[in-house]
Amino acid sequence: NLFFASLIGSWVGWPVLTPVQSVLGGLVLGVPAT
């Protein structure tokens, strides 16, 4: 979800996250979501 959100954010000029950044963010954001 974080990776695809960064792709959508690129439409307004935000940077696209790399897969590694997305995985690291998923590890952090996965705790409260889970």
ModelCIF file with pLDDT and N, C-alpha, C, O atoms, coordinates in Angstrom:
data_MODEL
#
_entry.id   MODEL 
#
_entity.id                         1 
_entity.type                       polymer 
_entity.pdbx_number_of_molecules   1 
#
_entity_poly.entity_id                      1 
_entity_poly.type                           'polypeptide(L)' 
_entity_poly.nstd_linkage                   no 
_entity_poly.nstd_monomer                   no 
_entity_poly.pdbx_seq_one_letter_code       NLFFASLIGSWVGWPVLTPVQSVLGGLVLGVPAT 
_entity_poly.pdbx_seq_one_letter_code_can   NLFFASLIGSWVGWPVLTPVQSVLGGLVLGVPAT 
_entity_poly.pdbx_strand_id                 A 
#
loop_
_entity_poly_seq.entity_id 
_entity_poly_seq.num 
_entity_poly_seq.mon_id 
_entity_poly_seq.hetero 
1 1  ASN n 
1 2  LEU n 
1 3  PHE n 
1 4  PHE n 
1 5  ALA n 
1 6  SER n 
1 7  LEU n 
1 8  ILE n 
1 9  GLY n 
1 10 SER n 
1 11 TRP n 
1 12 VAL n 
1 13 GLY n 
1 14 TRP n 
1 15 PRO n 
1 16 VAL n 
1 17 LEU n 
1 18 THR n 
1 19 PRO n 
1 20 VAL n 
1 21 GLN n 
1 22 SER n 
1 23 VAL n 
1 24 LEU n 
1 25 GLY n 
1 26 GLY n 
1 27 LEU n 
1 28 VAL n 
1 29 LEU n 
1 30 GLY n 
1 31 VAL n 
1 32 PRO n 
1 33 ALA n 
1 34 THR n 
#
_struct_asym.id          A 
_struct_asym.entity_id   1 
#
loop_
_ma_qa_metric.id 
_ma_qa_metric.mode 
_ma_qa_metric.name 
_ma_qa_metric.software_group_id 
_ma_qa_metric.type 
1 global pLDDT . pLDDT 
2 local  pLDDT . pLDDT 
#
_ma_qa_metric_global.metric_id      1 
_ma_qa_metric_global.metric_value   96.56 
_ma_qa_metric_global.model_id       1 
_ma_qa_metric_global.ordinal_id     1 
#
loop_
_ma_qa_metric_local.label_asym_id 
_ma_qa_metric_local.label_comp_id 
_ma_qa_metric_local.label_seq_id 
_ma_qa_metric_local.metric_id 
_ma_qa_metric_local.metric_value 
_ma_qa_metric_local.model_id 
_ma_qa_metric_local.ordinal_id 
A ASN 1  2 97.00 1 1  
A LEU 2  2 97.00 1 2  
A PHE 3  2 97.00 1 3  
A PHE 4  2 97.00 1 4  
A ALA 5  2 97.00 1 5  
A SER 6  2 97.00 1 6  
A LEU 7  2 97.00 1 7  
A ILE 8  2 97.00 1 8  
A GLY 9  2 96.00 1 9  
A SER 10 2 96.00 1 10 
A TRP 11 2 96.00 1 11 
A VAL 12 2 96.00 1 12 
A GLY 13 2 94.00 1 13 
A TRP 14 2 95.00 1 14 
A PRO 15 2 96.00 1 15 
A VAL 16 2 96.00 1 16 
A LEU 17 2 96.00 1 17 
A THR 18 2 96.00 1 18 
A PRO 19 2 96.00 1 19 
A VAL 20 2 97.00 1 20 
A GLN 21 2 97.00 1 21 
A SER 22 2 97.00 1 22 
A VAL 23 2 97.00 1 23 
A LEU 24 2 98.00 1 24 
A GLY 25 2 97.00 1 25 
A GLY 26 2 97.00 1 26 
A LEU 27 2 97.00 1 27 
A VAL 28 2 97.00 1 28 
A LEU 29 2 97.00 1 29 
A GLY 30 2 97.00 1 30 
A VAL 31 2 97.00 1 31 
A PRO 32 2 96.00 1 32 
A ALA 33 2 96.00 1 33 
A THR 34 2 97.00 1 34 
#
loop_
_atom_site.group_PDB 
_atom_site.id 
_atom_site.type_symbol 
_atom_site.label_atom_id 
_atom_site.label_alt_id 
_atom_site.label_comp_id 
_atom_site.label_asym_id 
_atom_site.label_entity_id 
_atom_site.label_seq_id 
_atom_site.pdbx_PDB_ins_code 
_atom_site.Cartn_x 
_atom_site.Cartn_y 
_atom_site.Cartn_z 
_atom_site.occupancy 
_atom_site.B_iso_or_equiv 
_atom_site.pdbx_formal_charge 
_atom_site.auth_seq_id 
_atom_site.auth_comp_id 
_atom_site.auth_asym_id 
_atom_site.auth_atom_id 
_atom_site.pdbx_PDB_model_num 
ATOM 1   N N  . ASN A 1 1  ? 0.824  -1.212 0.000   1.00 97.00 ? 1  ASN A N  1 
ATOM 2   C CA . ASN A 1 1  ? 0.000  0.000  0.000   1.00 97.00 ? 1  ASN A CA 1 
ATOM 3   C C  . ASN A 1 1  ? 0.858  1.261  0.000   1.00 97.00 ? 1  ASN A C  1 
ATOM 4   O O  . ASN A 1 1  ? 0.534  2.231  -0.686  1.00 97.00 ? 1  ASN A O  1 
ATOM 5   N N  . LEU A 1 2  ? 1.937  1.256  0.756   1.00 97.00 ? 2  LEU A N  1 
ATOM 6   C CA . LEU A 1 2  ? 2.831  2.413  0.807   1.00 97.00 ? 2  LEU A CA 1 
ATOM 7   C C  . LEU A 1 2  ? 3.487  2.652  -0.552  1.00 97.00 ? 2  LEU A C  1 
ATOM 8   O O  . LEU A 1 2  ? 3.598  3.795  -0.995  1.00 97.00 ? 2  LEU A O  1 
ATOM 9   N N  . PHE A 1 3  ? 3.918  1.581  -1.210  1.00 97.00 ? 3  PHE A N  1 
ATOM 10  C CA . PHE A 1 3  ? 4.546  1.720  -2.512  1.00 97.00 ? 3  PHE A CA 1 
ATOM 11  C C  . PHE A 1 3  ? 3.559  2.294  -3.537  1.00 97.00 ? 3  PHE A C  1 
ATOM 12  O O  . PHE A 1 3  ? 3.895  3.216  -4.280  1.00 97.00 ? 3  PHE A O  1 
ATOM 13  N N  . PHE A 1 4  ? 2.342  1.743  -3.569  1.00 97.00 ? 4  PHE A N  1 
ATOM 14  C CA . PHE A 1 4  ? 1.363  2.237  -4.530  1.00 97.00 ? 4  PHE A CA 1 
ATOM 15  C C  . PHE A 1 4  ? 0.900  3.650  -4.187  1.00 97.00 ? 4  PHE A C  1 
ATOM 16  O O  . PHE A 1 4  ? 0.592  4.432  -5.086  1.00 97.00 ? 4  PHE A O  1 
ATOM 17  N N  . ALA A 1 5  ? 0.848  3.980  -2.916  1.00 97.00 ? 5  ALA A N  1 
ATOM 18  C CA . ALA A 1 5  ? 0.507  5.356  -2.536  1.00 97.00 ? 5  ALA A CA 1 
ATOM 19  C C  . ALA A 1 5  ? 1.586  6.319  -3.014  1.00 97.00 ? 5  ALA A C  1 
ATOM 20  O O  . ALA A 1 5  ? 1.281  7.444  -3.412  1.00 97.00 ? 5  ALA A O  1 
ATOM 21  N N  . SER A 1 6  ? 2.853  5.883  -2.978  1.00 97.00 ? 6  SER A N  1 
ATOM 22  C CA . SER A 1 6  ? 3.917  6.760  -3.477  1.00 97.00 ? 6  SER A CA 1 
ATOM 23  C C  . SER A 1 6  ? 3.833  6.908  -4.989  1.00 97.00 ? 6  SER A C  1 
ATOM 24  O O  . SER A 1 6  ? 4.192  7.956  -5.526  1.00 97.00 ? 6  SER A O  1 
ATOM 25  N N  . LEU A 1 7  ? 3.367  5.879  -5.681  1.00 97.00 ? 7  LEU A N  1 
ATOM 26  C CA . LEU A 1 7  ? 3.175  6.011  -7.131  1.00 97.00 ? 7  LEU A CA 1 
ATOM 27  C C  . LEU A 1 7  ? 2.075  7.013  -7.443  1.00 97.00 ? 7  LEU A C  1 
ATOM 28  O O  . LEU A 1 7  ? 2.206  7.810  -8.372  1.00 97.00 ? 7  LEU A O  1 
ATOM 29  N N  . ILE A 1 8  ? 0.998  6.978  -6.678  1.00 97.00 ? 8  ILE A N  1 
ATOM 30  C CA . ILE A 1 8  ? -0.082 7.946  -6.873  1.00 97.00 ? 8  ILE A CA 1 
ATOM 31  C C  . ILE A 1 8  ? 0.408  9.343  -6.507  1.00 97.00 ? 8  ILE A C  1 
ATOM 32  O O  . ILE A 1 8  ? 0.057  10.319 -7.169  1.00 97.00 ? 8  ILE A O  1 
ATOM 33  N N  . GLY A 1 9  ? 1.215  9.438  -5.460  1.00 96.00 ? 9  GLY A N  1 
ATOM 34  C CA . GLY A 1 9  ? 1.770  10.727 -5.055  1.00 96.00 ? 9  GLY A CA 1 
ATOM 35  C C  . GLY A 1 9  ? 2.699  11.332 -6.103  1.00 96.00 ? 9  GLY A C  1 
ATOM 36  O O  . GLY A 1 9  ? 2.902  12.546 -6.136  1.00 96.00 ? 9  GLY A O  1 
ATOM 37  N N  . SER A 1 10 ? 3.261  10.480 -6.957  1.00 96.00 ? 10 SER A N  1 
ATOM 38  C CA . SER A 1 10 ? 4.142  11.006 -8.003  1.00 96.00 ? 10 SER A CA 1 
ATOM 39  C C  . SER A 1 10 ? 3.374  11.856 -9.010  1.00 96.00 ? 10 SER A C  1 
ATOM 40  O O  . SER A 1 10 ? 3.972  12.662 -9.723  1.00 96.00 ? 10 SER A O  1 
ATOM 41  N N  . TRP A 1 11 ? 2.068  11.686 -9.073  1.00 96.00 ? 11 TRP A N  1 
ATOM 42  C CA . TRP A 1 11 ? 1.254  12.498 -9.980  1.00 96.00 ? 11 TRP A CA 1 
ATOM 43  C C  . TRP A 1 11 ? 1.257  13.964 -9.566  1.00 96.00 ? 11 TRP A C  1 
ATOM 44  O O  . TRP A 1 11 ? 1.050  14.850 -10.394 1.00 96.00 ? 11 TRP A O  1 
ATOM 45  N N  . VAL A 1 12 ? 1.493  14.216 -8.273  1.00 96.00 ? 12 VAL A N  1 
ATOM 46  C CA . VAL A 1 12 ? 1.534  15.606 -7.793  1.00 96.00 ? 12 VAL A CA 1 
ATOM 47  C C  . VAL A 1 12 ? 2.955  16.053 -7.476  1.00 96.00 ? 12 VAL A C  1 
ATOM 48  O O  . VAL A 1 12 ? 3.159  17.083 -6.834  1.00 96.00 ? 12 VAL A O  1 
ATOM 49  N N  . GLY A 1 13 ? 3.938  15.273 -7.930  1.00 94.00 ? 13 GLY A N  1 
ATOM 50  C CA . GLY A 1 13 ? 5.325  15.684 -7.786  1.00 94.00 ? 13 GLY A CA 1 
ATOM 51  C C  . GLY A 1 13 ? 6.077  15.108 -6.604  1.00 94.00 ? 13 GLY A C  1 
ATOM 52  O O  . GLY A 1 13 ? 7.241  15.449 -6.398  1.00 94.00 ? 13 GLY A O  1 
ATOM 53  N N  . TRP A 1 14 ? 5.449  14.246 -5.821  1.00 95.00 ? 14 TRP A N  1 
ATOM 54  C CA . TRP A 1 14 ? 6.158  13.635 -4.695  1.00 95.00 ? 14 TRP A CA 1 
ATOM 55  C C  . TRP A 1 14 ? 7.086  12.538 -5.218  1.00 95.00 ? 14 TRP A C  1 
ATOM 56  O O  . TRP A 1 14 ? 6.837  11.989 -6.291  1.00 95.00 ? 14 TRP A O  1 
ATOM 57  N N  . PRO A 1 15 ? 8.141  12.210 -4.488  1.00 96.00 ? 15 PRO A N  1 
ATOM 58  C CA . PRO A 1 15 ? 9.062  11.164 -4.950  1.00 96.00 ? 15 PRO A CA 1 
ATOM 59  C C  . PRO A 1 15 ? 8.448  9.770  -4.809  1.00 96.00 ? 15 PRO A C  1 
ATOM 60  O O  . PRO A 1 15 ? 7.645  9.521  -3.909  1.00 96.00 ? 15 PRO A O  1 
ATOM 61  N N  . VAL A 1 16 ? 8.832  8.882  -5.696  1.00 96.00 ? 16 VAL A N  1 
ATOM 62  C CA . VAL A 1 16 ? 8.389  7.485  -5.624  1.00 96.00 ? 16 VAL A CA 1 
ATOM 63  C C  . VAL A 1 16 ? 9.346  6.740  -4.699  1.00 96.00 ? 16 VAL A C  1 
ATOM 64  O O  . VAL A 1 16 ? 10.565 6.857  -4.825  1.00 96.00 ? 16 VAL A O  1 
ATOM 65  N N  . LEU A 1 17 ? 8.785  5.979  -3.778  1.00 96.00 ? 17 LEU A N  1 
ATOM 66  C CA . LEU A 1 17 ? 9.619  5.206  -2.857  1.00 96.00 ? 17 LEU A CA 1 
ATOM 67  C C  . LEU A 1 17 ? 10.216 4.002  -3.571  1.00 96.00 ? 17 LEU A C  1 
ATOM 68  O O  . LEU A 1 17 ? 9.592  3.420  -4.458  1.00 96.00 ? 17 LEU A O  1 
ATOM 69  N N  . THR A 1 18 ? 11.415 3.641  -3.180  1.00 96.00 ? 18 THR A N  1 
ATOM 70  C CA . THR A 1 18 ? 12.005 2.409  -3.702  1.00 96.00 ? 18 THR A CA 1 
ATOM 71  C C  . THR A 1 18 ? 11.329 1.227  -3.004  1.00 96.00 ? 18 THR A C  1 
ATOM 72  O O  . THR A 1 18 ? 10.716 1.398  -1.950  1.00 96.00 ? 18 THR A O  1 
ATOM 73  N N  . PRO A 1 19 ? 11.437 0.033  -3.582  1.00 96.00 ? 19 PRO A N  1 
ATOM 74  C CA . PRO A 1 19 ? 10.865 -1.134 -2.891  1.00 96.00 ? 19 PRO A CA 1 
ATOM 75  C C  . PRO A 1 19 ? 11.445 -1.348 -1.489  1.00 96.00 ? 19 PRO A C  1 
ATOM 76  O O  . PRO A 1 19 ? 10.729 -1.765 -0.579  1.00 96.00 ? 19 PRO A O  1 
ATOM 77  N N  . VAL A 1 20 ? 12.720 -1.069 -1.316  1.00 97.00 ? 20 VAL A N  1 
ATOM 78  C CA . VAL A 1 20 ? 13.342 -1.238 0.006   1.00 97.00 ? 20 VAL A CA 1 
ATOM 79  C C  . VAL A 1 20 ? 12.744 -0.248 1.004   1.00 97.00 ? 20 VAL A C  1 
ATOM 80  O O  . VAL A 1 20 ? 12.443 -0.614 2.139   1.00 97.00 ? 20 VAL A O  1 
ATOM 81  N N  . GLN A 1 21 ? 12.574 1.000  0.583   1.00 97.00 ? 21 GLN A N  1 
ATOM 82  C CA . GLN A 1 21 ? 11.952 1.991  1.464   1.00 97.00 ? 21 GLN A CA 1 
ATOM 83  C C  . GLN A 1 21 ? 10.524 1.593  1.803   1.00 97.00 ? 21 GLN A C  1 
ATOM 84  O O  . GLN A 1 21 ? 10.071 1.784  2.931   1.00 97.00 ? 21 GLN A O  1 
ATOM 85  N N  . SER A 1 22 ? 9.820  1.042  0.830   1.00 97.00 ? 22 SER A N  1 
ATOM 86  C CA . SER A 1 22 ? 8.445  0.618  1.077   1.00 97.00 ? 22 SER A CA 1 
ATOM 87  C C  . SER A 1 22 ? 8.384  -0.540 2.068   1.00 97.00 ? 22 SER A C  1 
ATOM 88  O O  . SER A 1 22 ? 7.506  -0.578 2.930   1.00 97.00 ? 22 SER A O  1 
ATOM 89  N N  . VAL A 1 23 ? 9.308  -1.471 1.947   1.00 97.00 ? 23 VAL A N  1 
ATOM 90  C CA . VAL A 1 23 ? 9.335  -2.606 2.882   1.00 97.00 ? 23 VAL A CA 1 
ATOM 91  C C  . VAL A 1 23 ? 9.667  -2.128 4.286   1.00 97.00 ? 23 VAL A C  1 
ATOM 92  O O  . VAL A 1 23 ? 9.046  -2.568 5.254   1.00 97.00 ? 23 VAL A O  1 
ATOM 93  N N  . LEU A 1 24 ? 10.634 -1.237 4.407   1.00 98.00 ? 24 LEU A N  1 
ATOM 94  C CA . LEU A 1 24 ? 10.985 -0.719 5.733   1.00 98.00 ? 24 LEU A CA 1 
ATOM 95  C C  . LEU A 1 24 ? 9.813  0.063  6.334   1.00 98.00 ? 24 LEU A C  1 
ATOM 96  O O  . LEU A 1 24 ? 9.528  -0.060 7.526   1.00 98.00 ? 24 LEU A O  1 
ATOM 97  N N  . GLY A 1 25 ? 9.146  0.855  5.520   1.00 97.00 ? 25 GLY A N  1 
ATOM 98  C CA . GLY A 1 25 ? 7.960  1.562  5.998   1.00 97.00 ? 25 GLY A CA 1 
ATOM 99  C C  . GLY A 1 25 ? 6.838  0.611  6.357   1.00 97.00 ? 25 GLY A C  1 
ATOM 100 O O  . GLY A 1 25 ? 6.103  0.843  7.317   1.00 97.00 ? 25 GLY A O  1 
ATOM 101 N N  . GLY A 1 26 ? 6.702  -0.471 5.583   1.00 97.00 ? 26 GLY A N  1 
ATOM 102 C CA . GLY A 1 26 ? 5.680  -1.474 5.882   1.00 97.00 ? 26 GLY A CA 1 
ATOM 103 C C  . GLY A 1 26 ? 5.941  -2.192 7.191   1.00 97.00 ? 26 GLY A C  1 
ATOM 104 O O  . GLY A 1 26 ? 5.008  -2.544 7.912   1.00 97.00 ? 26 GLY A O  1 
ATOM 105 N N  . LEU A 1 27 ? 7.230  -2.410 7.500   1.00 97.00 ? 27 LEU A N  1 
ATOM 106 C CA . LEU A 1 27 ? 7.564  -3.042 8.777   1.00 97.00 ? 27 LEU A CA 1 
ATOM 107 C C  . LEU A 1 27 ? 7.142  -2.166 9.949   1.00 97.00 ? 27 LEU A C  1 
ATOM 108 O O  . LEU A 1 27 ? 6.696  -2.665 10.982  1.00 97.00 ? 27 LEU A O  1 
ATOM 109 N N  . VAL A 1 28 ? 7.288  -0.864 9.779   1.00 97.00 ? 28 VAL A N  1 
ATOM 110 C CA . VAL A 1 28 ? 6.913  0.069  10.856  1.00 97.00 ? 28 VAL A CA 1 
ATOM 111 C C  . VAL A 1 28 ? 5.399  0.248  10.908  1.00 97.00 ? 28 VAL A C  1 
ATOM 112 O O  . VAL A 1 28 ? 4.792  0.120  11.971  1.00 97.00 ? 28 VAL A O  1 
ATOM 113 N N  . LEU A 1 29 ? 4.793  0.543  9.767   1.00 97.00 ? 29 LEU A N  1 
ATOM 114 C CA . LEU A 1 29 ? 3.344  0.790  9.735   1.00 97.00 ? 29 LEU A CA 1 
ATOM 115 C C  . LEU A 1 29 ? 2.532  -0.486 9.934   1.00 97.00 ? 29 LEU A C  1 
ATOM 116 O O  . LEU A 1 29 ? 1.344  -0.428 10.251  1.00 97.00 ? 29 LEU A O  1 
ATOM 117 N N  . GLY A 1 30 ? 3.167  -1.626 9.752   1.00 97.00 ? 30 GLY A N  1 
ATOM 118 C CA . GLY A 1 30 ? 2.465  -2.891 9.944   1.00 97.00 ? 30 GLY A CA 1 
ATOM 119 C C  . GLY A 1 30 ? 2.112  -3.170 11.393  1.00 97.00 ? 30 GLY A C  1 
ATOM 120 O O  . GLY A 1 30 ? 1.161  -3.904 11.664  1.00 97.00 ? 30 GLY A O  1 
ATOM 121 N N  . VAL A 1 31 ? 2.858  -2.597 12.331  1.00 97.00 ? 31 VAL A N  1 
ATOM 122 C CA . VAL A 1 31 ? 2.601  -2.865 13.758  1.00 97.00 ? 31 VAL A CA 1 
ATOM 123 C C  . VAL A 1 31 ? 1.227  -2.348 14.190  1.00 97.00 ? 31 VAL A C  1 
ATOM 124 O O  . VAL A 1 31 ? 0.421  -3.142 14.676  1.00 97.00 ? 31 VAL A O  1 
ATOM 125 N N  . PRO A 1 32 ? 0.920  -1.049 14.035  1.00 96.00 ? 32 PRO A N  1 
ATOM 126 C CA . PRO A 1 32 ? -0.406 -0.600 14.478  1.00 96.00 ? 32 PRO A CA 1 
ATOM 127 C C  . PRO A 1 32 ? -1.543 -1.164 13.630  1.00 96.00 ? 32 PRO A C  1 
ATOM 128 O O  . PRO A 1 32 ? -2.634 -1.421 14.139  1.00 96.00 ? 32 PRO A O  1 
ATOM 129 N N  . ALA A 1 33 ? -1.288 -1.354 12.344  1.00 96.00 ? 33 ALA A N  1 
ATOM 130 C CA . ALA A 1 33 ? -2.341 -1.901 11.474  1.00 96.00 ? 33 ALA A CA 1 
ATOM 131 C C  . ALA A 1 33 ? -2.667 -3.342 11.866  1.00 96.00 ? 33 ALA A C  1 
ATOM 132 O O  . ALA A 1 33 ? -3.835 -3.726 11.919  1.00 96.00 ? 33 ALA A O  1 
ATOM 133 N N  . THR A 1 34 ? -1.649 -4.124 12.134  1.00 97.00 ? 34 THR A N  1 
ATOM 134 C CA . THR A 1 34 ? -1.870 -5.518 12.527  1.00 97.00 ? 34 THR A CA 1 
ATOM 135 C C  . THR A 1 34 ? -2.510 -5.600 13.908  1.00 97.00 ? 34 THR A C  1 
ATOM 136 O O  . THR A 1 34 ? -2.770 -6.696 14.403  1.00 97.00 ? 34 THR A O  1 
#
